[in-house]
Protein backbone atom coordinates (compact mmCIF):
# COMPACT_ATOMS: atom_id res chain seq x y z
CA UNK A 1 29.68 21.48 11.68
CA UNK A 2 27.48 18.92 13.41
CA UNK A 3 25.86 19.35 16.82
CA UNK A 4 28.58 17.43 18.66
CA UNK A 5 31.29 19.63 17.13
CA UNK A 6 29.32 22.77 18.03
CA UNK A 7 29.11 21.53 21.61
CA UNK A 8 32.86 20.79 21.80
CA UNK A 9 33.86 24.15 20.33
CA UNK A 10 31.38 26.01 22.52
CA UNK A 11 32.84 24.28 25.59
CA UNK A 12 36.34 25.26 24.47
CA UNK A 13 35.25 28.89 24.10
CA UNK A 14 33.68 28.77 27.55
CA UNK A 15 36.81 27.31 29.15
CA UNK A 16 38.97 30.11 27.74
CA UNK A 17 36.48 32.84 28.62
CA UNK A 18 36.25 31.63 32.21
CA UNK A 19 40.04 31.44 32.47
CA UNK A 20 40.42 34.92 30.93
CA UNK A 21 37.92 36.39 33.40
CA UNK A 22 39.75 34.76 36.30
CA UNK A 23 43.05 36.24 35.10
CA UNK A 24 41.42 39.64 34.64
CA UNK A 25 40.20 39.60 38.25
CA UNK A 26 43.68 38.63 39.47
CA UNK A 27 45.22 41.36 37.33
CA UNK A 28 42.83 44.00 38.67
CA UNK A 29 43.64 42.95 42.23
CA UNK A 30 47.37 43.29 41.56
CA UNK A 31 46.94 46.67 39.91
CA UNK A 32 44.80 47.90 42.78
CA UNK A 33 47.43 47.06 45.37
CA UNK A 34 50.36 49.50 45.74
CA UNK A 35 52.59 46.61 46.86
CA UNK A 36 52.02 44.60 43.66
CA UNK A 37 51.21 47.19 40.99
CA UNK A 38 54.80 47.10 39.70
CA UNK A 39 55.38 43.37 40.19
CA UNK A 40 56.31 40.82 37.56
CA UNK A 41 53.10 39.00 38.36
CA UNK A 42 51.18 41.83 36.65
CA UNK A 43 52.95 41.00 33.39
CA UNK A 44 52.37 37.26 33.86
CA UNK A 45 48.65 37.76 34.52
CA UNK A 46 48.34 40.11 31.54
CA UNK A 47 50.05 37.63 29.23
CA UNK A 48 47.90 34.76 30.49
CA UNK A 49 44.73 36.82 30.06
CA UNK A 50 45.72 37.73 26.49
CA UNK A 51 46.59 34.10 25.70
CA UNK A 52 43.09 32.94 26.65
CA UNK A 53 41.43 35.81 24.81
CA UNK A 54 43.65 35.05 21.82
CA UNK A 55 42.48 31.44 21.78
CA UNK A 56 38.85 32.58 21.69
CA UNK A 57 39.72 34.95 18.88
CA UNK A 58 41.44 32.19 16.91
CA UNK A 59 38.44 29.89 17.32
CA UNK A 60 36.07 32.49 15.86
CA UNK A 61 38.48 34.16 13.45
CA UNK A 62 41.17 31.67 12.39
CA UNK A 63 44.38 33.42 11.29
CA UNK A 64 45.21 30.84 8.61
CA UNK A 65 44.06 30.38 5.06
CA UNK A 66 43.12 26.77 5.88
CA UNK A 67 39.62 26.17 4.47
CA UNK A 68 38.63 23.78 7.28
CA UNK A 69 39.66 26.34 9.93
CA UNK A 70 37.91 29.14 8.07
CA UNK A 71 34.70 27.11 7.84
CA UNK A 72 34.91 26.24 11.54
CA UNK A 73 35.24 29.92 12.36
CA UNK A 74 32.28 30.85 10.17
CA UNK A 75 30.14 28.07 11.63
CA UNK A 76 31.07 28.95 15.20
CA UNK A 77 30.42 32.65 14.60
CA UNK A 78 26.98 31.80 13.25
CA UNK A 79 26.22 29.34 16.05
CA UNK A 80 27.11 31.84 18.81
CA UNK A 81 25.96 34.94 16.90
CA UNK A 82 29.36 36.64 16.71
CA UNK A 83 29.93 39.10 13.85
CA UNK A 84 33.12 40.47 12.30
CA UNK A 85 32.75 43.74 14.24
CA UNK A 86 33.12 41.94 17.57
CA UNK A 87 36.13 43.27 19.53
CA UNK A 88 37.44 39.69 19.85
CA UNK A 89 38.35 39.96 16.17
CA UNK A 90 41.06 42.53 17.02
CA UNK A 91 44.29 40.80 18.02
CA UNK A 92 46.58 43.83 18.34
CA UNK A 93 47.18 43.52 22.09
CA UNK A 94 47.73 39.77 21.94
CA UNK A 95 50.09 40.10 18.98
CA UNK A 96 52.07 42.79 20.77
CA UNK A 97 52.84 40.43 23.66
CA UNK A 98 53.11 37.29 21.54
CA UNK A 99 55.74 38.90 19.32
CA UNK A 100 57.53 40.71 22.13
CA UNK A 101 60.78 38.92 21.28
CA UNK A 102 60.79 40.45 17.79
CA UNK A 103 60.06 43.91 19.17
CA UNK A 104 62.90 43.54 21.68
CA UNK A 105 65.29 42.43 18.91
CA UNK A 106 64.43 45.52 16.88
């Protein structure tokens, strides 16, 4: 990965982290308000938060066997000093919402 690619991927990570943090703040505000704690907007904010976090996870830890993607993930992990034990490597919560349709069918 050259320096320009590192810059572009780092910017992409930053965009998603900033968006995730914004959604987290909005979610906390909704959960802290008795008038909105049970609203649909809570679910929307949670899903949006998890989508952004999931994108960061995919950038560092690509879910495919594609060698180019795997190398990008390894290079990006090294560049930003992220190891395999980082919590962003766990996609359980994101997968639970992303595959909600399958869970509902079952």
